[in-house]
Amino acid sequence: VQLQASGGGLVQAGDSLRLSCAASGRIFSTYVMGWFRQAPGKQRTFVVRISGGGGDITYYADSVKGRFTISRDNAENTVYLQMNSLKPEDTAIYYCAAGDIQAILAPADSRKYGFWGQGTLVTISS
C-alpha cells in the first residue's frame, strides 16, 4: 500500500489542524493505521493508531490524549488526524503508517508498521 500524508502547515498555539493520509490499495480497511511524529533533532515517536476491520479501536499517546482524534473513512481510503489545542511541542513531521495485527498489540513500535507515508510538517508557533 502507498500512503500520502497532507494537511500540515504553520499555525499558532491553541489552533487546530487536520491531517489526512490517503492510501492506495483495495484492502485499506483491513490495515491498522497509525500516526507517528518526529520533532527536530529527536527520534520518531508514536502518536495514535486505529484498528482495521471495522473495529476502529483507538489508542493514543498520553501526550495527545484529549486533544487529537484519529478517524478513518474506508470508502475514501483515508485516515485523518484532527489536532486541537496545538502546542509548540507538537511541532514535528507527522507520518502516517499502515500495519497488520501486530500493530494492535504493540502500537508504539514503529517496526510493526510496514508501510509509511512521506510525512507532512506541522509547525506550531507560540
PDB file of N, CA and C in Angstrom:
ATOM      1  N   VAL A   1       0.842  -1.180   0.000  1.00  0.00           N
ATOM      2  CA  VAL A   1       0.000   0.000   0.000  1.00  0.00           C
ATOM      3  C   VAL A   1       0.888   1.246   0.000  1.00  0.00           C
ATOM      4  N   GLN A   2       0.459   2.266  -0.713  1.00  0.00           N
ATOM      5  CA  GLN A   2       1.175   3.538  -0.733  1.00  0.00           C
ATOM      6  C   GLN A   2       0.373   4.574   0.037  1.00  0.00           C
ATOM      7  N   LEU A   3       1.092   5.388   0.814  1.00  0.00           N
ATOM      8  CA  LEU A   3       0.454   6.368   1.679  1.00  0.00           C
ATOM      9  C   LEU A   3       0.927   7.771   1.325  1.00  0.00           C
ATOM     10  N   GLN A   4       0.000   8.712   1.369  1.00  0.00           N
ATOM     11  CA  GLN A   4       0.303  10.103   1.053  1.00  0.00           C
ATOM     12  C   GLN A   4      -0.302  10.984   2.124  1.00  0.00           C
ATOM     13  N   ALA A   5       0.555  11.569   2.951  1.00  0.00           N
ATOM     14  CA  ALA A   5       0.092  12.442   4.026  1.00  0.00           C
ATOM     15  C   ALA A   5       0.033  13.888   3.550  1.00  0.00           C
ATOM     16  N   SER A   6      -0.921  14.620   4.094  1.00  0.00           N
ATOM     17  CA  SER A   6      -1.080  16.029   3.750  1.00  0.00           C
ATOM     18  C   SER A   6      -1.775  16.758   4.889  1.00  0.00           C
ATOM     19  N   GLY A   7      -1.807  18.094   4.779  1.00  0.00           N
ATOM     20  CA  GLY A   7      -2.542  18.893   5.744  1.00  0.00           C
ATOM     21  C   GLY A   7      -1.691  19.651   6.733  1.00  0.00           C
ATOM     22  N   GLY A   8      -0.393  19.452   6.693  1.00  0.00           N
ATOM     23  CA  GLY A   8       0.470  20.166   7.605  1.00  0.00           C
ATOM     24  C   GLY A   8       0.529  21.651   7.288  1.00  0.00           C
ATOM     25  N   GLY A   9       1.110  22.399   8.213  1.00  0.00           N
ATOM     26  CA  GLY A   9       1.237  23.826   7.999  1.00  0.00           C
ATOM     27  C   GLY A   9       1.739  24.524   9.237  1.00  0.00           C
ATOM     28  N   LEU A  10       1.717  25.838   9.185  1.00  0.00           N
ATOM     29  CA  LEU A  10       2.155  26.686  10.296  1.00  0.00           C
ATOM     30  C   LEU A  10       0.932  27.329  10.934  1.00  0.00           C
ATOM     31  N   VAL A  11       0.740  27.051  12.221  1.00  0.00           N
ATOM     32  CA  VAL A  11      -0.373  27.638  12.955  1.00  0.00           C
ATOM     33  C   VAL A  11       0.124  28.112  14.309  1.00  0.00           C
ATOM     34  N   GLN A  12      -0.744  28.842  15.000  1.00  0.00           N
ATOM     35  CA  GLN A  12      -0.384  29.341  16.319  1.00  0.00           C
ATOM     36  C   GLN A  12      -0.827  28.364  17.405  1.00  0.00           C
ATOM     37  N   ALA A  13      -0.207  28.485  18.543  1.00  0.00           N
ATOM     38  CA  ALA A  13      -0.592  27.660  19.687  1.00  0.00           C
ATOM     39  C   ALA A  13      -2.081  27.864  19.981  1.00  0.00           C
ATOM     40  N   GLY A  14      -2.755  26.755  20.242  1.00  0.00           N
ATOM     41  CA  GLY A  14      -4.184  26.797  20.504  1.00  0.00           C
ATOM     42  C   GLY A  14      -5.045  26.546  19.279  1.00  0.00           C
ATOM     43  N   ASP A  15      -4.440  26.634  18.113  1.00  0.00           N
ATOM     44  CA  ASP A  15      -5.180  26.396  16.867  1.00  0.00           C
ATOM     45  C   ASP A  15      -5.370  24.908  16.612  1.00  0.00           C
ATOM     46  N   SER A  16      -6.054  24.638  15.505  1.00  0.00           N
ATOM     47  CA  SER A  16      -6.321  23.251  15.111  1.00  0.00           C
ATOM     48  C   SER A  16      -5.820  23.005  13.696  1.00  0.00           C
ATOM     49  N   LEU A  17      -5.544  21.754  13.422  1.00  0.00           N
ATOM     50  CA  LEU A  17      -5.187  21.296  12.085  1.00  0.00           C
ATOM     51  C   LEU A  17      -5.765  19.912  11.898  1.00  0.00           C
ATOM     52  N   ARG A  18      -6.057  19.576  10.652  1.00  0.00           N
ATOM     53  CA  ARG A  18      -6.461  18.215  10.352  1.00  0.00           C
ATOM     54  C   ARG A  18      -5.530  17.649   9.287  1.00  0.00           C
ATOM     55  N   LEU A  19      -4.886  16.582   9.637  1.00  0.00           N
ATOM     56  CA  LEU A  19      -4.027  15.878   8.691  1.00  0.00           C
ATOM     57  C   LEU A  19      -4.816  14.765   8.015  1.00  0.00           C
ATOM     58  N   SER A  20      -4.446  14.500   6.787  1.00  0.00           N
ATOM     59  CA  SER A  20      -5.050  13.406   6.029  1.00  0.00           C
ATOM     60  C   SER A  20      -3.965  12.476   5.535  1.00  0.00           C
ATOM     61  N   CYS A  21      -4.321  11.233   5.386  1.00  0.00           N
ATOM     62  CA  CYS A  21      -3.415  10.241   4.823  1.00  0.00           C
ATOM     63  C   CYS A  21      -4.218   9.388   3.852  1.00  0.00           C
ATOM     64  N   ALA A  22      -3.954   9.582   2.588  1.00  0.00           N
ATOM     65  CA  ALA A  22      -4.656   8.832   1.548  1.00  0.00           C
ATOM     66  C   ALA A  22      -3.862   7.587   1.193  1.00  0.00           C
ATOM     67  N   ALA A  23      -4.554   6.482   1.084  1.00  0.00           N
ATOM     68  CA  ALA A  23      -3.900   5.207   0.814  1.00  0.00           C
ATOM     69  C   ALA A  23      -4.383   4.605  -0.493  1.00  0.00           C
ATOM     70  N   SER A  24      -3.496   3.916  -1.136  1.00  0.00           N
ATOM     71  CA  SER A  24      -3.872   3.154  -2.317  1.00  0.00           C
ATOM     72  C   SER A  24      -4.157   1.726  -1.886  1.00  0.00           C
ATOM     73  N   GLY A  25      -4.754   0.961  -2.749  1.00  0.00           N
ATOM     74  CA  GLY A  25      -4.977  -0.440  -2.423  1.00  0.00           C
ATOM     75  C   GLY A  25      -6.408  -0.736  -2.037  1.00  0.00           C
ATOM     76  N   ARG A  26      -6.831  -1.945  -2.359  1.00  0.00           N
ATOM     77  CA  ARG A  26      -8.224  -2.316  -2.141  1.00  0.00           C
ATOM     78  C   ARG A  26      -8.503  -2.875  -0.757  1.00  0.00           C
ATOM     79  N   ILE A  27      -7.467  -3.127   0.027  1.00  0.00           N
ATOM     80  CA  ILE A  27      -7.698  -3.724   1.344  1.00  0.00           C
ATOM     81  C   ILE A  27      -7.329  -2.747   2.453  1.00  0.00           C
ATOM     82  N   PHE A  28      -7.477  -1.468   2.170  1.00  0.00           N
ATOM     83  CA  PHE A  28      -7.153  -0.439   3.158  1.00  0.00           C
ATOM     84  C   PHE A  28      -7.875  -0.696   4.466  1.00  0.00           C
ATOM     85  N   SER A  29      -9.126  -1.120   4.394  1.00  0.00           N
ATOM     86  CA  SER A  29      -9.955  -1.254   5.591  1.00  0.00           C
ATOM     87  C   SER A  29      -9.397  -2.281   6.572  1.00  0.00           C
ATOM     88  N   THR A  30      -8.565  -3.166   6.101  1.00  0.00           N
ATOM     89  CA  THR A  30      -8.043  -4.205   6.986  1.00  0.00           C
ATOM     90  C   THR A  30      -6.791  -3.761   7.739  1.00  0.00           C
ATOM     91  N   TYR A  31      -6.169  -2.687   7.297  1.00  0.00           N
ATOM     92  CA  TYR A  31      -4.928  -2.253   7.912  1.00  0.00           C
ATOM     93  C   TYR A  31      -5.161  -1.501   9.220  1.00  0.00           C
ATOM     94  N   VAL A  32      -4.249  -1.708  10.125  1.00  0.00           N
ATOM     95  CA  VAL A  32      -4.126  -0.828  11.286  1.00  0.00           C
ATOM     96  C   VAL A  32      -3.405   0.423  10.798  1.00  0.00           C
ATOM     97  N   MET A  33      -3.954   1.570  11.087  1.00  0.00           N
ATOM     98  CA  MET A  33      -3.358   2.823  10.634  1.00  0.00           C
ATOM     99  C   MET A  33      -2.851   3.614  11.839  1.00  0.00           C
ATOM    100  N   GLY A  34      -1.691   4.176  11.691  1.00  0.00           N
ATOM    101  CA  GLY A  34      -1.103   4.921  12.787  1.00  0.00           C
ATOM    102  C   GLY A  34      -0.514   6.243  12.337  1.00  0.00           C
ATOM    103  N   TRP A  35      -0.318   7.109  13.307  1.00  0.00           N
ATOM    104  CA  TRP A  35       0.407   8.364  13.091  1.00  0.00           C
ATOM    105  C   TRP A  35       1.577   8.399  14.057  1.00  0.00           C
ATOM    106  N   PHE A  36       2.710   8.767  13.528  1.00  0.00           N
ATOM    107  CA  PHE A  36       3.908   8.992  14.314  1.00  0.00           C
ATOM    108  C   PHE A  36       4.384  10.410  14.019  1.00  0.00           C
ATOM    109  N   ARG A  37       5.283  10.913  14.839  1.00  0.00           N
ATOM    110  CA  ARG A  37       5.850  12.225  14.566  1.00  0.00           C
ATOM    111  C   ARG A  37       7.310  12.257  14.965  1.00  0.00           C
ATOM    112  N   GLN A  38       8.023  13.146  14.304  1.00  0.00           N
ATOM    113  CA  GLN A  38       9.442  13.310  14.592  1.00  0.00           C
ATOM    114  C   GLN A  38       9.755  14.787  14.706  1.00  0.00           C
ATOM    115  N   ALA A  39      10.059  15.196  15.923  1.00  0.00           N
ATOM    116  CA  ALA A  39      10.425  16.586  16.179  1.00  0.00           C
ATOM    117  C   ALA A  39      11.878  16.811  15.766  1.00  0.00           C
ATOM    118  N   PRO A  40      12.254  18.051  15.505  1.00  0.00           N
ATOM    119  CA  PRO A  40      13.632  18.332  15.097  1.00  0.00           C
ATOM    120  C   PRO A  40      14.648  17.811  16.101  1.00  0.00           C
ATOM    121  N   GLY A  41      15.587  17.024  15.621  1.00  0.00           N
ATOM    122  CA  GLY A  41      16.643  16.514  16.471  1.00  0.00           C
ATOM    123  C   GLY A  41      16.249  15.385  17.394  1.00  0.00           C
ATOM    124  N   LYS A  42      15.033  14.863  17.207  1.00  0.00           N
ATOM    125  CA  LYS A  42      14.562  13.791  18.089  1.00  0.00           C
ATOM    126  C   LYS A  42      14.155  12.567  17.289  1.00  0.00           C
ATOM    127  N   GLN A  43      13.947  11.485  17.998  1.00  0.00           N
ATOM    128  CA  GLN A  43      13.525  10.252  17.352  1.00  0.00           C
ATOM    129  C   GLN A  43      12.033  10.290  17.036  1.00  0.00           C
ATOM    130  N   ARG A  44      11.648   9.473  16.108  1.00  0.00           N
ATOM    131  CA  ARG A  44      10.245   9.344  15.762  1.00  0.00           C
ATOM    132  C   ARG A  44       9.485   8.712  16.921  1.00  0.00           C
ATOM    133  N   THR A  45       8.338   9.279  17.252  1.00  0.00           N
ATOM    134  CA  THR A  45       7.548   8.774  18.366  1.00  0.00           C
ATOM    135  C   THR A  45       6.106   8.513  17.940  1.00  0.00           C
ATOM    136  N   PHE A  46       5.493   7.628  18.650  1.00  0.00           N
ATOM    137  CA  PHE A  46       4.107   7.224  18.390  1.00  0.00           C
ATOM    138  C   PHE A  46       3.139   8.309  18.811  1.00  0.00           C
ATOM    139  N   VAL A  47       2.092   8.489  18.019  1.00  0.00           N
ATOM    140  CA  VAL A  47       1.037   9.447  18.342  1.00  0.00           C
ATOM    141  C   VAL A  47      -0.287   8.730  18.617  1.00  0.00           C
ATOM    142  N   VAL A  48      -0.723   7.924  17.662  1.00  0.00           N
ATOM    143  CA  VAL A  48      -2.025   7.281  17.782  1.00  0.00           C
ATOM    144  C   VAL A  48      -2.154   6.196  16.731  1.00  0.00           C
ATOM    145  N   ARG A  49      -3.014   5.201  16.998  1.00  0.00           N
ATOM    146  CA  ARG A  49      -3.335   4.214  15.975  1.00  0.00           C
ATOM    147  C   ARG A  49      -4.811   3.864  16.082  1.00  0.00           C
ATOM    148  N   ILE A  50      -5.318   3.407  14.930  1.00  0.00           N
ATOM    149  CA  ILE A  50      -6.709   2.966  14.855  1.00  0.00           C
ATOM    150  C   ILE A  50      -6.732   1.600  14.197  1.00  0.00           C
ATOM    151  N   SER A  51      -7.503   0.697  14.734  1.00  0.00           N
ATOM    152  CA  SER A  51      -7.537  -0.663  14.207  1.00  0.00           C
ATOM    153  C   SER A  51      -8.329  -0.711  12.912  1.00  0.00           C
ATOM    154  N   GLY A  52      -8.201  -1.808  12.202  1.00  0.00           N
ATOM    155  CA  GLY A  52      -8.934  -2.003  10.970  1.00  0.00           C
ATOM    156  C   GLY A  52     -10.038  -3.021  11.133  1.00  0.00           C
ATOM    157  N   GLY A  53     -10.566  -3.477  10.024  1.00  0.00           N
ATOM    158  CA  GLY A  53     -11.589  -4.497  10.051  1.00  0.00           C
ATOM    159  C   GLY A  53     -12.913  -4.043  10.604  1.00  0.00           C
ATOM    160  N   GLY A  54     -13.125  -2.752  10.667  1.00  0.00           N
ATOM    161  CA  GLY A  54     -14.395  -2.226  11.143  1.00  0.00           C
ATOM    162  C   GLY A  54     -14.452  -1.953  12.635  1.00  0.00           C
ATOM    163  N   GLY A  55     -13.422  -2.358  13.355  1.00  0.00           N
ATOM    164  CA  GLY A  55     -13.443  -2.157  14.802  1.00  0.00           C
ATOM    165  C   GLY A  55     -13.175  -0.728  15.219  1.00  0.00           C
ATOM    166  N   ASP A  56     -12.246  -0.060  14.474  1.00  0.00           N
ATOM    167  CA  ASP A  56     -11.888   1.332  14.754  1.00  0.00           C
ATOM    168  C   ASP A  56     -11.547   1.567  16.223  1.00  0.00           C
ATOM    169  N   ILE A  57     -10.802   0.667  16.780  1.00  0.00           N
ATOM    170  CA  ILE A  57     -10.362   0.829  18.161  1.00  0.00           C
ATOM    171  C   ILE A  57      -9.127   1.706  18.159  1.00  0.00           C
ATOM    172  N   THR A  58      -9.152   2.723  19.004  1.00  0.00           N
ATOM    173  CA  THR A  58      -8.070   3.706  19.003  1.00  0.00           C
ATOM    174  C   THR A  58      -7.191   3.576  20.243  1.00  0.00           C
ATOM    175  N   TYR A  59      -5.975   4.046  20.088  1.00  0.00           N
ATOM    176  CA  TYR A  59      -5.020   4.058  21.196  1.00  0.00           C
ATOM    177  C   TYR A  59      -4.135   5.277  21.004  1.00  0.00           C
ATOM    178  N   TYR A  60      -4.078   6.138  22.028  1.00  0.00           N
ATOM    179  CA  TYR A  60      -3.377   7.404  21.929  1.00  0.00           C
ATOM    180  C   TYR A  60      -2.168   7.462  22.862  1.00  0.00           C
ATOM    181  N   ALA A  61      -1.171   8.179  22.423  1.00  0.00           N
ATOM    182  CA  ALA A  61      -0.088   8.532  23.318  1.00  0.00           C
ATOM    183  C   ALA A  61      -0.622   9.505  24.365  1.00  0.00           C
ATOM    184  N   ASP A  62      -0.099   9.429  25.550  1.00  0.00           N
ATOM    185  CA  ASP A  62      -0.576  10.295  26.632  1.00  0.00           C
ATOM    186  C   ASP A  62      -0.439  11.771  26.285  1.00  0.00           C
ATOM    187  N   SER A  63       0.582  12.088  25.523  1.00  0.00           N
ATOM    188  CA  SER A  63       0.861  13.492  25.219  1.00  0.00           C
ATOM    189  C   SER A  63      -0.199  14.147  24.343  1.00  0.00           C
ATOM    190  N   VAL A  64      -0.998  13.357  23.663  1.00  0.00           N
ATOM    191  CA  VAL A  64      -2.010  13.922  22.763  1.00  0.00           C
ATOM    192  C   VAL A  64      -3.429  13.541  23.157  1.00  0.00           C
ATOM    193  N   LYS A  65      -3.557  12.723  24.147  1.00  0.00           N
ATOM    194  CA  LYS A  65      -4.881  12.253  24.561  1.00  0.00           C
ATOM    195  C   LYS A  65      -5.756  13.431  24.957  1.00  0.00           C
ATOM    196  N   GLY A  66      -6.970  13.436  24.425  1.00  0.00           N
ATOM    197  CA  GLY A  66      -7.896  14.521  24.720  1.00  0.00           C
ATOM    198  C   GLY A  66      -7.787  15.710  23.775  1.00  0.00           C
ATOM    199  N   ARG A  67      -6.718  15.759  22.991  1.00  0.00           N
ATOM    200  CA  ARG A  67      -6.530  16.871  22.044  1.00  0.00           C
ATOM    201  C   ARG A  67      -6.584  16.397  20.590  1.00  0.00           C
ATOM    202  N   PHE A  68      -6.095  15.205  20.341  1.00  0.00           N
ATOM    203  CA  PHE A  68      -6.044  14.662  18.983  1.00  0.00           C
ATOM    204  C   PHE A  68      -7.097  13.569  18.840  1.00  0.00           C
ATOM    205  N   THR A  69      -7.636  13.454  17.634  1.00  0.00           N
ATOM    206  CA  THR A  69      -8.609  12.414  17.337  1.00  0.00           C
ATOM    207  C   THR A  69      -8.287  11.795  15.983  1.00  0.00           C
ATOM    208  N   ILE A  70      -8.166  10.484  15.969  1.00  0.00           N
ATOM    209  CA  ILE A  70      -7.937   9.772  14.722  1.00  0.00           C
ATOM    210  C   ILE A  70      -9.263   9.196  14.245  1.00  0.00           C
ATOM    211  N   SER A  71      -9.432   9.185  12.937  1.00  0.00           N
ATOM    212  CA  SER A  71     -10.613   8.564  12.350  1.00  0.00           C
ATOM    213  C   SER A  71     -10.227   8.038  10.974  1.00  0.00           C
ATOM    214  N   ARG A  72     -11.076   7.206  10.432  1.00  0.00           N
ATOM    215  CA  ARG A  72     -10.792   6.660   9.116  1.00  0.00           C
ATOM    216  C   ARG A  72     -12.070   6.574   8.304  1.00  0.00           C
ATOM    217  N   ASP A  73     -11.927   6.757   7.007  1.00  0.00           N
ATOM    218  CA  ASP A  73     -13.025   6.616   6.063  1.00  0.00           C
ATOM    219  C   ASP A  73     -12.596   5.542   5.071  1.00  0.00           C
ATOM    220  N   ASN A  74     -13.071   4.347   5.274  1.00  0.00           N
ATOM    221  CA  ASN A  74     -12.629   3.235   4.435  1.00  0.00           C
ATOM    222  C   ASN A  74     -13.133   3.361   2.998  1.00  0.00           C
ATOM    223  N   ALA A  75     -14.244   4.040   2.819  1.00  0.00           N
ATOM    224  CA  ALA A  75     -14.752   4.242   1.459  1.00  0.00           C
ATOM    225  C   ALA A  75     -13.832   5.162   0.665  1.00  0.00           C
ATOM    226  N   GLU A  76     -13.168   6.069   1.373  1.00  0.00           N
ATOM    227  CA  GLU A  76     -12.248   7.011   0.722  1.00  0.00           C
ATOM    228  C   GLU A  76     -10.786   6.604   0.876  1.00  0.00           C
ATOM    229  N   ASN A  77     -10.546   5.465   1.518  1.00  0.00           N
ATOM    230  CA  ASN A  77      -9.161   5.007   1.761  1.00  0.00           C
ATOM    231  C   ASN A  77      -8.319   6.086   2.431  1.00  0.00           C
ATOM    232  N   THR A  78      -8.895   6.715   3.425  1.00  0.00           N
ATOM    233  CA  THR A  78      -8.213   7.833   4.055  1.00  0.00           C
ATOM    234  C   THR A  78      -8.325   7.746   5.573  1.00  0.00           C
ATOM    235  N   VAL A  79      -7.255   8.103   6.235  1.00  0.00           N
ATOM    236  CA  VAL A  79      -7.258   8.232   7.685  1.00  0.00           C
ATOM    237  C   VAL A  79      -6.951   9.690   8.015  1.00  0.00           C
ATOM    238  N   TYR A  80      -7.599  10.180   9.058  1.00  0.00           N
ATOM    239  CA  TYR A  80      -7.471  11.578   9.444  1.00  0.00           C
ATOM    240  C   TYR A  80      -6.910  11.702  10.855  1.00  0.00           C
ATOM    241  N   LEU A  81      -6.262  12.816  11.086  1.00  0.00           N
ATOM    242  CA  LEU A  81      -5.818  13.149  12.436  1.00  0.00           C
ATOM    243  C   LEU A  81      -6.251  14.585  12.713  1.00  0.00           C
ATOM    244  N   GLN A  82      -7.279  14.725  13.532  1.00  0.00           N
ATOM    245  CA  GLN A  82      -7.737  16.035  13.944  1.00  0.00           C
ATOM    246  C   GLN A  82      -6.945  16.445  15.167  1.00  0.00           C
ATOM    247  N   MET A  83      -6.269  17.583  15.060  1.00  0.00           N
ATOM    248  CA  MET A  83      -5.402  18.041  16.143  1.00  0.00           C
ATOM    249  C   MET A  83      -5.925  19.378  16.651  1.00  0.00           C
ATOM    250  N   ASN A  84      -6.338  19.385  17.901  1.00  0.00           N
ATOM    251  CA  ASN A  84      -6.867  20.592  18.528  1.00  0.00           C
ATOM    252  C   ASN A  84      -5.943  21.050  19.651  1.00  0.00           C
ATOM    253  N   SER A  85      -6.123  22.281  20.069  1.00  0.00           N
ATOM    254  CA  SER A  85      -5.342  22.833  21.180  1.00  0.00           C
ATOM    255  C   SER A  85      -3.848  22.579  20.983  1.00  0.00           C
ATOM    256  N   LEU A  86      -3.377  22.890  19.813  1.00  0.00           N
ATOM    257  CA  LEU A  86      -1.989  22.586  19.474  1.00  0.00           C
ATOM    258  C   LEU A  86      -1.010  23.387  20.326  1.00  0.00           C
ATOM    259  N   LYS A  87       0.106  22.758  20.622  1.00  0.00           N
ATOM    260  CA  LYS A  87       1.146  23.346  21.451  1.00  0.00           C
ATOM    261  C   LYS A  87       2.448  23.412  20.658  1.00  0.00           C
ATOM    262  N   PRO A  88       3.344  24.305  21.023  1.00  0.00           N
ATOM    263  CA  PRO A  88       4.639  24.350  20.321  1.00  0.00           C
ATOM    264  C   PRO A  88       5.352  23.005  20.324  1.00  0.00           C
ATOM    265  N   GLU A  89       5.194  22.237  21.373  1.00  0.00           N
ATOM    266  CA  GLU A  89       5.858  20.932  21.440  1.00  0.00           C
ATOM    267  C   GLU A  89       5.248  19.896  20.501  1.00  0.00           C
ATOM    268  N   ASP A  90       4.157  20.239  19.851  1.00  0.00           N
ATOM    269  CA  ASP A  90       3.585  19.359  18.822  1.00  0.00           C
ATOM    270  C   ASP A  90       4.280  19.547  17.475  1.00  0.00           C
ATOM    271  N   THR A  91       5.158  20.522  17.392  1.00  0.00           N
ATOM    272  CA  THR A  91       5.884  20.764  16.156  1.00  0.00           C
ATOM    273  C   THR A  91       6.707  19.541  15.765  1.00  0.00           C
ATOM    274  N   ALA A  92       6.475  19.050  14.551  1.00  0.00           N
ATOM    275  CA  ALA A  92       7.156  17.835  14.101  1.00  0.00           C
ATOM    276  C   ALA A  92       6.745  17.536  12.667  1.00  0.00           C
ATOM    277  N   ILE A  93       7.449  16.608  12.084  1.00  0.00           N
ATOM    278  CA  ILE A  93       6.975  15.996  10.847  1.00  0.00           C
ATOM    279  C   ILE A  93       6.087  14.834  11.257  1.00  0.00           C
ATOM    280  N   TYR A  94       4.894  14.803  10.709  1.00  0.00           N
ATOM    281  CA  TYR A  94       3.931  13.769  11.038  1.00  0.00           C
ATOM    282  C   TYR A  94       3.877  12.747   9.913  1.00  0.00           C
ATOM    283  N   TYR A  95       3.993  11.484  10.299  1.00  0.00           N
ATOM    284  CA  TYR A  95       3.995  10.385   9.344  1.00  0.00           C
ATOM    285  C   TYR A  95       2.795   9.472   9.587  1.00  0.00           C
ATOM    286  N   CYS A  96       2.143   9.074   8.537  1.00  0.00           N
ATOM    287  CA  CYS A  96       1.138   8.025   8.673  1.00  0.00           C
ATOM    288  C   CYS A  96       1.765   6.693   8.291  1.00  0.00           C
ATOM    289  N   ALA A  97       1.218   5.652   8.864  1.00  0.00           N
ATOM    290  CA  ALA A  97       1.777   4.328   8.651  1.00  0.00           C
ATOM    291  C   ALA A  97       0.664   3.295   8.656  1.00  0.00           C
ATOM    292  N   ALA A  98       0.904   2.198   7.965  1.00  0.00           N
ATOM    293  CA  ALA A  98      -0.058   1.102   7.907  1.00  0.00           C
ATOM    294  C   ALA A  98       0.611  -0.172   8.399  1.00  0.00           C
ATOM    295  N   GLY A  99      -0.128  -0.915   9.219  1.00  0.00           N
ATOM    296  CA  GLY A  99       0.426  -2.146   9.754  1.00  0.00           C
ATOM    297  C   GLY A  99      -0.616  -3.233   9.826  1.00  0.00           C
ATOM    298  N   ASP A 100      -0.160  -4.387  10.302  1.00  0.00           N
ATOM    299  CA  ASP A 100      -1.081  -5.514  10.446  1.00  0.00           C
ATOM    300  C   ASP A 100      -1.438  -5.695  11.920  1.00  0.00           C
ATOM    301  N   ILE A 101      -1.912  -6.871  12.262  1.00  0.00           N
ATOM    302  CA  ILE A 101      -2.421  -7.133  13.611  1.00  0.00           C
ATOM    303  C   ILE A 101      -1.370  -6.879  14.690  1.00  0.00           C
ATOM    304  N   GLN A 102      -0.093  -6.976  14.316  1.00  0.00           N
ATOM    305  CA  GLN A 102       0.952  -6.750  15.320  1.00  0.00           C
ATOM    306  C   GLN A 102       0.925  -5.318  15.839  1.00  0.00           C
ATOM    307  N   ALA A 103       0.442  -4.414  15.031  1.00  0.00           N
ATOM    308  CA  ALA A 103       0.362  -3.009  15.457  1.00  0.00           C
ATOM    309  C   ALA A 103      -0.761  -2.793  16.457  1.00  0.00           C
ATOM    310  N   ILE A 104      -1.654  -3.758  16.579  1.00  0.00           N
ATOM    311  CA  ILE A 104      -2.675  -3.688  17.627  1.00  0.00           C
ATOM    312  C   ILE A 104      -2.039  -3.944  18.980  1.00  0.00           C
ATOM    313  N   LEU A 105      -1.196  -4.967  19.027  1.00  0.00           N
ATOM    314  CA  LEU A 105      -0.607  -5.396  20.291  1.00  0.00           C
ATOM    315  C   LEU A 105       0.542  -4.492  20.725  1.00  0.00           C
ATOM    316  N   ALA A 106       1.229  -3.923  19.753  1.00  0.00           N
ATOM    317  CA  ALA A 106       2.378  -3.069  20.054  1.00  0.00           C
ATOM    318  C   ALA A 106       2.274  -1.805  19.220  1.00  0.00           C
ATOM    319  N   PRO A 107       1.314  -0.962  19.508  1.00  0.00           N
ATOM    320  CA  PRO A 107       1.033   0.195  18.642  1.00  0.00           C
ATOM    321  C   PRO A 107       2.155   1.203  18.553  1.00  0.00           C
ATOM    322  N   ALA A 108       2.966   1.291  19.571  1.00  0.00           N
ATOM    323  CA  ALA A 108       4.015   2.303  19.570  1.00  0.00           C
ATOM    324  C   ALA A 108       5.311   1.815  18.928  1.00  0.00           C
ATOM    325  N   ASP A 109       5.354   0.573  18.529  1.00  0.00           N
ATOM    326  CA  ASP A 109       6.548   0.012  17.911  1.00  0.00           C
ATOM    327  C   ASP A 109       6.489   0.254  16.407  1.00  0.00           C
ATOM    328  N   SER A 110       7.319   1.155  15.936  1.00  0.00           N
ATOM    329  CA  SER A 110       7.264   1.519  14.525  1.00  0.00           C
ATOM    330  C   SER A 110       7.600   0.336  13.614  1.00  0.00           C
ATOM    331  N   ARG A 111       8.274  -0.663  14.163  1.00  0.00           N
ATOM    332  CA  ARG A 111       8.624  -1.843  13.345  1.00  0.00           C
ATOM    333  C   ARG A 111       7.407  -2.683  12.976  1.00  0.00           C
ATOM    334  N   LYS A 112       6.294  -2.447  13.634  1.00  0.00           N
ATOM    335  CA  LYS A 112       5.068  -3.198  13.355  1.00  0.00           C
ATOM    336  C   LYS A 112       4.285  -2.597  12.193  1.00  0.00           C
ATOM    337  N   TYR A 113       4.767  -1.515  11.662  1.00  0.00           N
ATOM    338  CA  TYR A 113       4.101  -0.852  10.542  1.00  0.00           C
ATOM    339  C   TYR A 113       4.976  -1.030   9.303  1.00  0.00           C
ATOM    340  N   GLY A 114       4.433  -1.673   8.301  1.00  0.00           N
ATOM    341  CA  GLY A 114       5.238  -1.998   7.136  1.00  0.00           C
ATOM    342  C   GLY A 114       5.228  -0.959   6.043  1.00  0.00           C
ATOM    343  N   PHE A 115       4.308  -0.014   6.144  1.00  0.00           N
ATOM    344  CA  PHE A 115       4.169   0.982   5.087  1.00  0.00           C
ATOM    345  C   PHE A 115       4.120   2.371   5.713  1.00  0.00           C
ATOM    346  N   TRP A 116       4.823   3.310   5.069  1.00  0.00           N
ATOM    347  CA  TRP A 116       4.936   4.658   5.612  1.00  0.00           C
ATOM    348  C   TRP A 116       4.697   5.695   4.519  1.00  0.00           C
ATOM    349  N   GLY A 117       4.054   6.797   4.916  1.00  0.00           N
ATOM    350  CA  GLY A 117       3.935   7.931   4.034  1.00  0.00           C
ATOM    351  C   GLY A 117       5.166   8.807   4.135  1.00  0.00           C
ATOM    352  N   GLN A 118       5.181   9.858   3.355  1.00  0.00           N
ATOM    353  CA  GLN A 118       6.372  10.691   3.259  1.00  0.00           C
ATOM    354  C   GLN A 118       6.465  11.748   4.355  1.00  0.00           C
ATOM    355  N   GLY A 119       5.419  11.968   5.104  1.00  0.00           N
ATOM    356  CA  GLY A 119       5.451  12.946   6.180  1.00  0.00           C
ATOM    357  C   GLY A 119       4.929  14.299   5.764  1.00  0.00           C
ATOM    358  N   THR A 120       4.348  14.995   6.719  1.00  0.00           N
ATOM    359  CA  THR A 120       3.873  16.363   6.495  1.00  0.00           C
ATOM    360  C   THR A 120       4.266  17.195   7.712  1.00  0.00           C
ATOM    361  N   LEU A 121       4.800  18.377   7.460  1.00  0.00           N
ATOM    362  CA  LEU A 121       5.371  19.196   8.517  1.00  0.00           C
ATOM    363  C   LEU A 121       4.299  20.024   9.206  1.00  0.00           C
ATOM    364  N   VAL A 122       4.291  19.931  10.512  1.00  0.00           N
ATOM    365  CA  VAL A 122       3.398  20.737  11.352  1.00  0.00           C
ATOM    366  C   VAL A 122       4.261  21.624  12.237  1.00  0.00           C
ATOM    367  N   THR A 123       4.033  22.922  12.149  1.00  0.00           N
ATOM    368  CA  THR A 123       4.802  23.873  12.945  1.00  0.00           C
ATOM    369  C   THR A 123       3.845  24.718  13.759  1.00  0.00           C
ATOM    370  N   ILE A 124       4.085  24.733  15.057  1.00  0.00           N
ATOM    371  CA  ILE A 124       3.229  25.492  15.970  1.00  0.00           C
ATOM    372  C   ILE A 124       4.041  26.632  16.566  1.00  0.00           C
ATOM    373  N   SER A 125       3.594  27.839  16.334  1.00  0.00           N
ATOM    374  CA  SER A 125       4.280  28.996  16.888  1.00  0.00           C
ATOM    375  C   SER A 125       3.650  29.391  18.216  1.00  0.00           C
ATOM    376  N   SER A 126       4.463  29.900  19.093  1.00  0.00           N
ATOM    377  CA  SER A 126       3.971  30.275  20.433  1.00  0.00           C
ATOM    378  C   SER A 126       3.501  31.716  20.449  1.00  0.00           C
TER     379      SER A 126
END
